[in-house]
Amino acid sequence: MAKKSRRKSGANTSDPHGVLASPVRREIWSYLRSQGPHTVSEIAKGVGRSQTSLYAHIVMMERTGVIEAAGSKRSGKRHAVIYKAGVTESDIAYDPKNKKSVRASARYAAAVFRRANREVTDHLASGEAKAKGRSRDTYVLGGRTRLSKKQLADINSHIDAIDKIVAEGDKTGKGDLYAINVATCPVEDGFLYD
């Protein structure tokens, strides 16, 4: 029997922008959006985290409607709740007129790049990074350049293609886990970083 959801279907008790400002919660939501309904143990395996590290996030996400219970299945002697994404991409899209959206998007970006810094640093320090050739598994690009509208459109097409590959992932669950982090934004002319 399915565990009852902590919220009524369709009820929106919180703005999803704030809930999904956390990279861990965004990762859980993205996994469910791309891979379909899964139990906590399946989500943990799919995102490369421990089940215990996900429980508080799952509870918050279900309580606020970001994910929803979609049934259950037997797992040993117990029934495991199956979760699905409860909001869509358009529900959490950046909205410059929504202050919560702006703050949450900025928090999410900062957290993603802090995590990327840790992950890349650890992988480089391991001495196992492959930084060249077709089997390259580690790549960091930091650049500033002037782009025409067509060049920006070309870059965005490539980003969309990468996003699609990441969203689909390896549905067999046998592929290696990778962190993919991409950022683009215009910067002010003459602004120099230390």
Protein backbone atom coordinates (compact mmCIF):
# COMPACT_ATOMS: atom_id res chain seq x y z
CA MET A 1 0.00 0.00 0.00
CA ALA A 2 1.29 3.46 -0.86
CA LYS A 3 2.38 5.75 1.92
CA LYS A 4 0.09 8.76 2.12
CA SER A 5 1.60 12.00 0.94
CA ARG A 6 2.15 14.66 3.62
CA ARG A 7 0.35 17.21 1.48
CA LYS A 8 -2.77 17.26 -0.57
CA SER A 9 -2.25 16.83 -4.29
CA GLY A 10 -2.20 20.16 -6.04
CA ALA A 11 -1.60 22.14 -2.83
CA ASN A 12 1.33 24.54 -3.05
CA THR A 13 2.55 25.37 0.45
CA SER A 14 5.89 26.86 -0.62
CA ASP A 15 7.53 28.53 -3.57
CA PRO A 16 9.50 25.78 -5.35
CA HIS A 17 12.30 28.25 -6.21
CA GLY A 18 13.53 28.34 -2.61
CA VAL A 19 13.24 24.58 -2.15
CA LEU A 20 15.24 23.92 -5.31
CA ALA A 21 17.94 26.49 -4.51
CA SER A 22 19.72 23.54 -2.83
CA PRO A 23 21.89 21.63 -5.32
CA VAL A 24 21.07 18.34 -3.58
CA ARG A 25 17.32 18.92 -3.86
CA ARG A 26 17.71 20.13 -7.45
CA GLU A 27 19.69 16.96 -8.20
CA ILE A 28 16.93 14.77 -6.72
CA TRP A 29 14.23 16.66 -8.64
CA SER A 30 16.23 16.53 -11.88
CA TYR A 31 16.77 12.80 -11.46
CA LEU A 32 13.05 12.15 -10.97
CA ARG A 33 12.17 14.46 -13.87
CA SER A 34 14.51 12.69 -16.27
CA GLN A 35 14.43 9.11 -15.01
CA GLY A 36 10.81 8.87 -13.88
CA PRO A 37 9.41 7.69 -10.53
CA HIS A 38 11.85 5.98 -8.13
CA THR A 39 12.24 5.00 -4.48
CA VAL A 40 14.71 6.77 -2.17
CA SER A 41 17.20 3.90 -2.48
CA GLU A 42 16.99 4.06 -6.28
CA ILE A 43 17.40 7.85 -6.24
CA ALA A 44 20.43 7.53 -3.92
CA LYS A 45 22.06 5.03 -6.25
CA GLY A 46 21.23 7.14 -9.32
CA VAL A 47 22.74 10.34 -7.92
CA GLY A 48 25.64 8.68 -6.12
CA ARG A 49 24.65 9.62 -2.57
CA SER A 50 23.70 7.70 0.56
CA GLN A 51 20.02 7.18 1.35
CA THR A 52 20.41 8.73 4.79
CA SER A 53 21.82 11.93 3.28
CA LEU A 54 18.65 12.30 1.18
CA TYR A 55 15.85 11.71 3.71
CA ALA A 56 15.55 15.25 5.10
CA HIS A 57 15.61 16.64 1.55
CA ILE A 58 12.95 14.15 0.41
CA VAL A 59 10.69 15.05 3.36
CA MET A 60 10.99 18.79 2.62
CA MET A 61 10.46 18.30 -1.10
CA GLU A 62 7.36 16.16 -0.56
CA ARG A 63 5.94 18.53 2.06
CA THR A 64 6.27 21.47 -0.34
CA GLY A 65 5.01 19.61 -3.42
CA VAL A 66 8.29 19.66 -5.35
CA ILE A 67 8.06 15.86 -5.44
CA GLU A 68 5.03 13.64 -4.85
CA ALA A 69 4.40 10.10 -3.71
CA ALA A 70 3.38 8.04 -6.73
CA GLY A 71 2.79 4.66 -5.09
CA SER A 72 4.97 2.10 -3.39
CA LYS A 73 6.66 -1.21 -3.94
CA ARG A 74 7.93 -3.97 -1.71
CA SER A 75 11.53 -3.58 -0.63
CA GLY A 76 12.47 -6.52 1.58
CA LYS A 77 9.88 -6.69 4.38
CA ARG A 78 8.80 -3.06 3.91
CA HIS A 79 7.06 -0.98 1.32
CA ALA A 80 9.19 1.76 -0.21
CA VAL A 81 7.50 4.95 -1.39
CA ILE A 82 7.94 5.72 -5.07
CA TYR A 83 8.41 9.44 -5.75
CA LYS A 84 7.89 11.50 -8.89
CA ALA A 85 8.60 15.14 -9.77
CA GLY A 86 5.77 17.35 -8.54
CA VAL A 87 6.71 20.54 -10.38
CA THR A 88 7.78 21.16 -13.95
CA GLU A 89 10.73 23.04 -15.41
CA SER A 90 8.44 25.99 -16.15
CA ASP A 91 7.35 26.10 -12.47
CA ILE A 92 10.93 26.83 -11.41
CA ALA A 93 12.19 28.79 -14.41
CA TYR A 94 14.14 31.94 -13.58
CA ASP A 95 11.75 34.87 -13.38
CA PRO A 96 13.46 38.28 -13.07
CA LYS A 97 10.20 39.78 -11.73
CA ASN A 98 9.99 37.26 -8.86
CA LYS A 99 12.42 38.18 -6.05
CA LYS A 100 12.29 34.65 -4.64
CA SER A 101 13.23 33.28 -8.04
CA VAL A 102 16.13 35.71 -8.41
CA ARG A 103 17.51 34.97 -4.91
CA ALA A 104 17.06 31.21 -5.30
CA SER A 105 18.71 31.18 -8.73
CA ALA A 106 21.71 33.11 -7.40
CA ARG A 107 21.98 30.80 -4.36
CA TYR A 108 21.75 27.73 -6.58
CA ALA A 109 24.44 29.03 -8.96
CA ALA A 110 26.81 29.80 -6.07
CA ALA A 111 26.24 26.39 -4.49
CA VAL A 112 26.70 24.54 -7.79
CA PHE A 113 30.06 26.16 -8.38
CA ARG A 114 31.24 25.61 -4.79
CA ARG A 115 30.42 21.93 -5.25
CA ALA A 116 32.05 21.88 -8.71
CA ASN A 117 35.20 23.39 -7.21
CA ARG A 118 35.36 20.64 -4.56
CA GLU A 119 34.65 17.84 -7.06
CA VAL A 120 37.15 19.00 -9.69
CA THR A 121 39.82 19.75 -7.07
CA ASP A 122 39.40 16.28 -5.52
CA HIS A 123 39.48 14.54 -8.89
CA LEU A 124 42.59 16.44 -10.05
CA ALA A 125 44.30 15.71 -6.72
CA SER A 126 43.56 11.98 -7.14
CA GLY A 127 45.93 11.93 -10.11
CA GLU A 128 43.35 9.99 -12.14
CA ALA A 129 41.91 12.86 -14.18
CA LYS A 130 42.00 12.40 -17.93
CA ALA A 131 42.28 15.91 -19.36
CA LYS A 132 42.99 15.12 -23.03
CA GLY A 133 41.67 13.04 -25.89
CA ARG A 134 38.32 11.38 -26.57
CA SER A 135 38.33 9.65 -23.17
CA ARG A 136 38.72 13.03 -21.39
CA ASP A 137 36.69 12.97 -18.18
CA THR A 138 37.75 16.30 -16.69
CA TYR A 139 37.54 19.68 -18.37
CA VAL A 140 37.31 23.20 -17.02
CA LEU A 141 36.75 26.20 -19.25
CA GLY A 142 36.92 29.70 -17.91
CA GLY A 143 36.83 32.40 -20.51
CA ARG A 144 35.58 35.81 -21.44
CA THR A 145 35.06 36.83 -25.02
CA ARG A 146 32.91 39.00 -27.21
CA LEU A 147 30.16 37.06 -28.98
CA SER A 148 27.88 37.94 -31.84
CA LYS A 149 24.17 37.08 -31.50
CA LYS A 150 24.73 34.12 -33.83
CA GLN A 151 27.67 32.85 -31.78
CA LEU A 152 25.63 33.11 -28.58
CA ALA A 153 22.79 31.22 -30.28
CA ASP A 154 25.28 28.51 -31.34
CA ILE A 155 26.58 28.19 -27.78
CA ASN A 156 23.02 27.98 -26.45
CA SER A 157 22.23 25.20 -28.95
CA HIS A 158 25.19 23.23 -27.64
CA ILE A 159 24.16 23.88 -24.03
CA ASP A 160 20.63 22.64 -24.85
CA ALA A 161 22.13 19.48 -26.38
CA ILE A 162 24.29 18.92 -23.28
CA ASP A 163 21.28 19.53 -21.02
CA LYS A 164 19.30 16.92 -22.96
CA ILE A 165 22.08 14.34 -22.63
CA VAL A 166 22.40 15.04 -18.89
CA ALA A 167 18.62 14.87 -18.39
CA GLU A 168 18.38 11.52 -20.16
CA GLY A 169 21.46 10.02 -18.52
CA ASP A 170 22.30 6.34 -18.73
CA LYS A 171 18.97 4.68 -17.95
CA THR A 172 20.69 1.33 -17.37
CA GLY A 173 22.30 2.77 -14.24
CA LYS A 174 25.63 1.21 -15.23
CA GLY A 175 27.34 4.37 -16.47
CA ASP A 176 29.83 6.35 -14.41
CA LEU A 177 28.56 9.33 -12.41
CA TYR A 178 29.73 12.74 -13.72
CA ALA A 179 29.28 16.31 -12.58
CA ILE A 180 28.38 18.68 -15.43
CA ASN A 181 28.44 22.40 -14.61
CA VAL A 182 27.99 25.12 -17.23
CA ALA A 183 27.60 28.86 -16.77
CA THR A 184 27.28 31.73 -19.20
CA CYS A 185 26.36 35.34 -18.55
CA PRO A 186 27.17 38.76 -19.94
CA VAL A 187 29.70 40.81 -17.98
CA GLU A 188 30.30 44.52 -17.84
CA ASP A 189 32.88 46.03 -20.16
CA GLY A 190 35.97 47.08 -18.27
CA PHE A 191 35.11 45.02 -15.16
CA LEU A 192 38.26 43.28 -13.95
CA TYR A 193 38.51 40.38 -11.51
CA ASP A 194 41.42 39.96 -9.11
